[in-house]
């Protein structure tokens, strides 16, 4: 095969690969309704149909009653259902946020913390503190630096409840209690379950 023939063959393979890639990209962008609105998966809505709370992490086995509750000055109650140690080297906090006030809570961006470049609709500002081990644990992130926690919380409507979760690196096995902190709420000590 001549140099020109080889070059043509390489261009043909590249064009075919590009066509396949564009086809797959177009297929991945579908899912919109006829009126131009995109459809949301059920996981992106909470049990009240409100955006946010988009998780399915351990929801099936989450206890019905909270092991701890804290309330901020605006009347939002954080109920912590469990802080469970998982075999993968992390702990998962499952809970719910309930707006007991008469007005929508709009300061959800405070829950993401003050770090630059964070998702301001997430619970990224949460931490666990191992007071005995003198160590603070921050919410885990994926390879794209997204929080392994509930996101999409732009507001919390009055009277609504949203299920939430946050994953943290696991403290040592001998640590059985930690202090949970989320901006705008007082800290609370909770037990890690296995």
C-alpha atoms as a PDB file:
ATOM      1  CA  UNK A   1       0.000   0.000   0.000  1.00  0.00           C
ATOM      2  CA  UNK A   2       1.334   3.428  -0.866  1.00  0.00           C
ATOM      3  CA  UNK A   3       1.718   6.269   1.572  1.00  0.00           C
ATOM      4  CA  UNK A   4      -1.370   7.937   0.086  1.00  0.00           C
ATOM      5  CA  UNK A   5      -3.371   4.748   0.476  1.00  0.00           C
ATOM      6  CA  UNK A   6      -2.320   4.379   4.111  1.00  0.00           C
ATOM      7  CA  UNK A   7      -3.218   7.987   4.813  1.00  0.00           C
ATOM      8  CA  UNK A   8      -6.664   7.509   3.225  1.00  0.00           C
ATOM      9  CA  UNK A   9      -7.261   4.348   5.276  1.00  0.00           C
ATOM     10  CA  UNK A  10      -6.323   6.119   8.514  1.00  0.00           C
ATOM     11  CA  UNK A  11      -8.656   9.015   7.682  1.00  0.00           C
ATOM     12  CA  UNK A  12     -11.465   6.550   6.937  1.00  0.00           C
ATOM     13  CA  UNK A  13     -11.028   4.790  10.303  1.00  0.00           C
ATOM     14  CA  UNK A  14     -10.920   8.154  12.094  1.00  0.00           C
ATOM     15  CA  UNK A  15     -14.089   9.309  10.312  1.00  0.00           C
ATOM     16  CA  UNK A  16     -15.887   6.078  11.221  1.00  0.00           C
ATOM     17  CA  UNK A  17     -14.824   6.424  14.867  1.00  0.00           C
ATOM     18  CA  UNK A  18     -16.019  10.042  14.887  1.00  0.00           C
ATOM     19  CA  UNK A  19     -19.389   9.049  13.407  1.00  0.00           C
ATOM     20  CA  UNK A  20     -19.877   6.367  16.078  1.00  0.00           C
ATOM     21  CA  UNK A  21     -18.899   8.821  18.810  1.00  0.00           C
ATOM     22  CA  UNK A  22     -21.339  11.472  17.566  1.00  0.00           C
ATOM     23  CA  UNK A  23     -24.133   8.910  17.325  1.00  0.00           C
ATOM     24  CA  UNK A  24     -23.540   7.780  20.910  1.00  0.00           C
ATOM     25  CA  UNK A  25     -23.356  11.389  22.118  1.00  0.00           C
ATOM     26  CA  UNK A  26     -26.645  12.246  20.424  1.00  0.00           C
ATOM     27  CA  UNK A  27     -28.301   9.198  21.946  1.00  0.00           C
ATOM     28  CA  UNK A  28     -27.035  10.209  25.397  1.00  0.00           C
ATOM     29  CA  UNK A  29     -28.524  13.693  25.076  1.00  0.00           C
ATOM     30  CA  UNK A  30     -32.067  12.426  24.519  1.00  0.00           C
ATOM     31  CA  UNK A  31     -34.767  11.978  27.116  1.00  0.00           C
ATOM     32  CA  UNK A  32     -36.434  15.376  26.809  1.00  0.00           C
ATOM     33  CA  UNK A  33     -40.183  15.792  26.608  1.00  0.00           C
ATOM     34  CA  UNK A  34     -41.908  17.308  23.577  1.00  0.00           C
ATOM     35  CA  UNK A  35     -42.316  20.659  25.328  1.00  0.00           C
ATOM     36  CA  UNK A  36     -38.551  21.091  25.716  1.00  0.00           C
ATOM     37  CA  UNK A  37     -38.419  20.194  29.400  1.00  0.00           C
ATOM     38  CA  UNK A  38     -36.088  17.423  30.411  1.00  0.00           C
ATOM     39  CA  UNK A  39     -37.469  14.513  32.336  1.00  0.00           C
ATOM     40  CA  UNK A  40     -36.098  13.897  35.814  1.00  0.00           C
ATOM     41  CA  UNK A  41     -35.358  10.521  37.230  1.00  0.00           C
ATOM     42  CA  UNK A  42     -37.321   9.601  40.361  1.00  0.00           C
ATOM     43  CA  UNK A  43     -34.034   9.591  42.313  1.00  0.00           C
ATOM     44  CA  UNK A  44     -33.669  13.336  41.695  1.00  0.00           C
ATOM     45  CA  UNK A  45     -36.874  14.110  43.598  1.00  0.00           C
ATOM     46  CA  UNK A  46     -37.646  13.560  47.232  1.00  0.00           C
ATOM     47  CA  UNK A  47     -40.721  11.873  48.646  1.00  0.00           C
ATOM     48  CA  UNK A  48     -42.630  15.168  48.401  1.00  0.00           C
ATOM     49  CA  UNK A  49     -41.791  15.668  44.725  1.00  0.00           C
ATOM     50  CA  UNK A  50     -39.271  18.391  45.528  1.00  0.00           C
ATOM     51  CA  UNK A  51     -35.920  18.555  43.761  1.00  0.00           C
ATOM     52  CA  UNK A  52     -32.906  17.493  45.764  1.00  0.00           C
ATOM     53  CA  UNK A  53     -32.386  14.494  47.959  1.00  0.00           C
ATOM     54  CA  UNK A  54     -31.355  12.535  44.863  1.00  0.00           C
ATOM     55  CA  UNK A  55     -29.921   9.432  46.426  1.00  0.00           C
ATOM     56  CA  UNK A  56     -30.677   5.803  46.816  1.00  0.00           C
ATOM     57  CA  UNK A  57     -27.728   5.031  49.081  1.00  0.00           C
ATOM     58  CA  UNK A  58     -28.966   2.621  51.714  1.00  0.00           C
ATOM     59  CA  UNK A  59     -32.529   4.008  51.667  1.00  0.00           C
ATOM     60  CA  UNK A  60     -34.110   0.565  51.959  1.00  0.00           C
ATOM     61  CA  UNK A  61     -32.597  -0.145  55.380  1.00  0.00           C
ATOM     62  CA  UNK A  62     -32.699   3.342  56.904  1.00  0.00           C
ATOM     63  CA  UNK A  63     -34.388   3.411  60.345  1.00  0.00           C
ATOM     64  CA  UNK A  64     -37.746   5.172  60.631  1.00  0.00           C
ATOM     65  CA  UNK A  65     -36.873   7.251  63.715  1.00  0.00           C
ATOM     66  CA  UNK A  66     -33.858   9.583  64.007  1.00  0.00           C
ATOM     67  CA  UNK A  67     -31.064   8.790  66.442  1.00  0.00           C
ATOM     68  CA  UNK A  68     -30.382  12.540  66.761  1.00  0.00           C
ATOM     69  CA  UNK A  69     -32.085  15.803  65.797  1.00  0.00           C
ATOM     70  CA  UNK A  70     -30.791  19.351  65.607  1.00  0.00           C
ATOM     71  CA  UNK A  71     -32.618  22.534  64.615  1.00  0.00           C
ATOM     72  CA  UNK A  72     -31.202  25.715  63.118  1.00  0.00           C
ATOM     73  CA  UNK A  73     -32.437  29.246  63.847  1.00  0.00           C
ATOM     74  CA  UNK A  74     -34.653  29.288  60.753  1.00  0.00           C
ATOM     75  CA  UNK A  75     -36.659  26.272  61.921  1.00  0.00           C
ATOM     76  CA  UNK A  76     -35.057  23.613  59.713  1.00  0.00           C
ATOM     77  CA  UNK A  77     -34.682  20.301  61.539  1.00  0.00           C
ATOM     78  CA  UNK A  78     -31.951  17.841  60.598  1.00  0.00           C
ATOM     79  CA  UNK A  79     -32.929  14.344  61.664  1.00  0.00           C
ATOM     80  CA  UNK A  80     -30.029  11.889  61.559  1.00  0.00           C
ATOM     81  CA  UNK A  81     -31.388   8.387  61.027  1.00  0.00           C
ATOM     82  CA  UNK A  82     -28.029   6.615  61.138  1.00  0.00           C
ATOM     83  CA  UNK A  83     -24.295   6.909  60.682  1.00  0.00           C
ATOM     84  CA  UNK A  84     -23.329   3.512  59.319  1.00  0.00           C
ATOM     85  CA  UNK A  85     -19.847   2.109  58.781  1.00  0.00           C
ATOM     86  CA  UNK A  86     -19.538   0.394  55.409  1.00  0.00           C
ATOM     87  CA  UNK A  87     -17.055  -2.267  54.338  1.00  0.00           C
ATOM     88  CA  UNK A  88     -15.529   0.009  51.684  1.00  0.00           C
ATOM     89  CA  UNK A  89     -13.721   2.223  54.202  1.00  0.00           C
ATOM     90  CA  UNK A  90     -16.353   4.932  54.564  1.00  0.00           C
ATOM     91  CA  UNK A  91     -19.320   5.871  56.731  1.00  0.00           C
ATOM     92  CA  UNK A  92     -22.687   7.044  55.423  1.00  0.00           C
ATOM     93  CA  UNK A  93     -24.955   9.471  57.219  1.00  0.00           C
ATOM     94  CA  UNK A  94     -28.605   9.015  56.232  1.00  0.00           C
ATOM     95  CA  UNK A  95     -31.074  11.579  57.429  1.00  0.00           C
ATOM     96  CA  UNK A  96     -33.705  14.104  56.475  1.00  0.00           C
ATOM     97  CA  UNK A  97     -34.112  17.856  56.446  1.00  0.00           C
ATOM     98  CA  UNK A  98     -37.526  19.219  57.425  1.00  0.00           C
ATOM     99  CA  UNK A  99     -38.556  22.849  57.123  1.00  0.00           C
ATOM    100  CA  UNK A 100     -40.835  23.411  60.116  1.00  0.00           C
ATOM    101  CA  UNK A 101     -41.014  27.157  59.441  1.00  0.00           C
ATOM    102  CA  UNK A 102     -43.737  29.149  57.650  1.00  0.00           C
ATOM    103  CA  UNK A 103     -41.470  30.365  54.834  1.00  0.00           C
ATOM    104  CA  UNK A 104     -39.310  28.626  52.256  1.00  0.00           C
ATOM    105  CA  UNK A 105     -35.707  28.231  53.421  1.00  0.00           C
ATOM    106  CA  UNK A 106     -33.455  29.824  50.802  1.00  0.00           C
ATOM    107  CA  UNK A 107     -30.030  29.664  52.517  1.00  0.00           C
ATOM    108  CA  UNK A 108     -29.282  26.078  51.492  1.00  0.00           C
ATOM    109  CA  UNK A 109     -26.033  27.318  49.887  1.00  0.00           C
ATOM    110  CA  UNK A 110     -24.628  27.711  53.411  1.00  0.00           C
ATOM    111  CA  UNK A 111     -24.705  23.919  53.820  1.00  0.00           C
ATOM    112  CA  UNK A 112     -22.048  23.548  51.117  1.00  0.00           C
ATOM    113  CA  UNK A 113     -19.396  25.315  53.199  1.00  0.00           C
ATOM    114  CA  UNK A 114     -17.141  28.203  52.268  1.00  0.00           C
ATOM    115  CA  UNK A 115     -14.628  26.421  50.046  1.00  0.00           C
ATOM    116  CA  UNK A 116     -14.320  27.895  46.556  1.00  0.00           C
ATOM    117  CA  UNK A 117     -15.518  25.871  43.591  1.00  0.00           C
ATOM    118  CA  UNK A 118     -17.927  23.635  45.524  1.00  0.00           C
ATOM    119  CA  UNK A 119     -21.437  22.701  44.442  1.00  0.00           C
ATOM    120  CA  UNK A 120     -23.486  25.349  46.238  1.00  0.00           C
ATOM    121  CA  UNK A 121     -26.571  23.095  46.157  1.00  0.00           C
ATOM    122  CA  UNK A 122     -24.915  20.257  48.111  1.00  0.00           C
ATOM    123  CA  UNK A 123     -24.207  19.279  51.714  1.00  0.00           C
ATOM    124  CA  UNK A 124     -20.452  19.464  51.115  1.00  0.00           C
ATOM    125  CA  UNK A 125     -19.852  21.594  54.207  1.00  0.00           C
ATOM    126  CA  UNK A 126     -20.625  18.698  56.555  1.00  0.00           C
ATOM    127  CA  UNK A 127     -17.838  17.230  58.680  1.00  0.00           C
ATOM    128  CA  UNK A 128     -17.306  14.499  61.245  1.00  0.00           C
ATOM    129  CA  UNK A 129     -14.986  15.168  64.168  1.00  0.00           C
ATOM    130  CA  UNK A 130     -13.234  12.346  66.020  1.00  0.00           C
ATOM    131  CA  UNK A 131     -12.508  14.185  69.275  1.00  0.00           C
ATOM    132  CA  UNK A 132     -10.486  11.316  70.774  1.00  0.00           C
ATOM    133  CA  UNK A 133      -8.368  10.883  67.650  1.00  0.00           C
ATOM    134  CA  UNK A 134      -8.237  14.674  67.121  1.00  0.00           C
ATOM    135  CA  UNK A 135      -9.171  14.376  63.447  1.00  0.00           C
ATOM    136  CA  UNK A 136     -11.787  16.021  61.215  1.00  0.00           C
ATOM    137  CA  UNK A 137     -13.310  14.126  58.271  1.00  0.00           C
ATOM    138  CA  UNK A 138     -14.742  15.957  55.261  1.00  0.00           C
ATOM    139  CA  UNK A 139     -17.401  14.689  52.857  1.00  0.00           C
ATOM    140  CA  UNK A 140     -15.971  12.378  50.203  1.00  0.00           C
ATOM    141  CA  UNK A 141     -15.674  13.492  46.581  1.00  0.00           C
ATOM    142  CA  UNK A 142     -15.584  11.585  43.331  1.00  0.00           C
ATOM    143  CA  UNK A 143     -12.882  11.958  40.671  1.00  0.00           C
ATOM    144  CA  UNK A 144     -14.678  15.037  39.275  1.00  0.00           C
ATOM    145  CA  UNK A 145     -14.589  16.630  42.768  1.00  0.00           C
ATOM    146  CA  UNK A 146     -18.353  16.240  43.221  1.00  0.00           C
ATOM    147  CA  UNK A 147     -19.533  15.550  46.747  1.00  0.00           C
ATOM    148  CA  UNK A 148     -20.730  12.036  47.559  1.00  0.00           C
ATOM    149  CA  UNK A 149     -23.744  13.589  49.194  1.00  0.00           C
ATOM    150  CA  UNK A 150     -27.161  15.001  48.436  1.00  0.00           C
ATOM    151  CA  UNK A 151     -27.077  17.881  45.972  1.00  0.00           C
ATOM    152  CA  UNK A 152     -29.665  19.927  44.086  1.00  0.00           C
ATOM    153  CA  UNK A 153     -30.893  21.677  47.231  1.00  0.00           C
ATOM    154  CA  UNK A 154     -31.695  25.166  45.971  1.00  0.00           C
ATOM    155  CA  UNK A 155     -34.432  25.738  48.559  1.00  0.00           C
ATOM    156  CA  UNK A 156     -36.407  23.836  51.159  1.00  0.00           C
ATOM    157  CA  UNK A 157     -40.098  24.624  50.926  1.00  0.00           C
ATOM    158  CA  UNK A 158     -42.080  25.360  54.088  1.00  0.00           C
ATOM    159  CA  UNK A 159     -43.486  22.163  55.580  1.00  0.00           C
ATOM    160  CA  UNK A 160     -41.457  19.872  53.292  1.00  0.00           C
ATOM    161  CA  UNK A 161     -39.065  17.063  54.207  1.00  0.00           C
ATOM    162  CA  UNK A 162     -36.133  15.965  52.031  1.00  0.00           C
ATOM    163  CA  UNK A 163     -34.123  12.738  52.553  1.00  0.00           C
ATOM    164  CA  UNK A 164     -30.366  13.370  52.560  1.00  0.00           C
ATOM    165  CA  UNK A 165     -27.120  11.422  52.736  1.00  0.00           C
ATOM    166  CA  UNK A 166     -23.414  12.194  53.068  1.00  0.00           C
ATOM    167  CA  UNK A 167     -20.453   9.817  52.822  1.00  0.00           C
ATOM    168  CA  UNK A 168     -17.240  10.350  54.789  1.00  0.00           C
ATOM    169  CA  UNK A 169     -13.945   8.476  55.109  1.00  0.00           C
ATOM    170  CA  UNK A 170     -14.284   5.987  57.964  1.00  0.00           C
ATOM    171  CA  UNK A 171     -12.611   6.809  61.267  1.00  0.00           C
ATOM    172  CA  UNK A 172     -10.574   3.978  62.846  1.00  0.00           C
ATOM    173  CA  UNK A 173     -12.595   0.929  63.955  1.00  0.00           C
ATOM    174  CA  UNK A 174     -12.072   1.786  67.623  1.00  0.00           C
ATOM    175  CA  UNK A 175     -13.860   5.135  67.106  1.00  0.00           C
ATOM    176  CA  UNK A 176     -17.521   4.521  67.893  1.00  0.00           C
ATOM    177  CA  UNK A 177     -18.761   8.101  68.370  1.00  0.00           C
ATOM    178  CA  UNK A 178     -18.144  11.267  66.367  1.00  0.00           C
ATOM    179  CA  UNK A 179     -19.425  14.810  66.348  1.00  0.00           C
ATOM    180  CA  UNK A 180     -21.444  15.646  63.218  1.00  0.00           C
ATOM    181  CA  UNK A 181     -21.363  19.250  62.022  1.00  0.00           C
ATOM    182  CA  UNK A 182     -23.316  20.963  59.242  1.00  0.00           C
ATOM    183  CA  UNK A 183     -23.221  24.759  58.779  1.00  0.00           C
ATOM    184  CA  UNK A 184     -26.193  26.613  60.373  1.00  0.00           C
ATOM    185  CA  UNK A 185     -26.859  23.677  62.761  1.00  0.00           C
ATOM    186  CA  UNK A 186     -25.393  23.047  66.216  1.00  0.00           C
ATOM    187  CA  UNK A 187     -22.984  20.080  66.380  1.00  0.00           C
ATOM    188  CA  UNK A 188     -24.349  16.764  67.584  1.00  0.00           C
ATOM    189  CA  UNK A 189     -22.620  13.601  68.836  1.00  0.00           C
ATOM    190  CA  UNK A 190     -23.748  10.394  67.144  1.00  0.00           C
ATOM    191  CA  UNK A 191     -22.778   6.754  67.342  1.00  0.00           C
ATOM    192  CA  UNK A 192     -21.362   4.895  64.364  1.00  0.00           C
ATOM    193  CA  UNK A 193     -23.211   1.651  63.676  1.00  0.00           C
ATOM    194  CA  UNK A 194     -21.770  -1.377  61.842  1.00  0.00           C
END
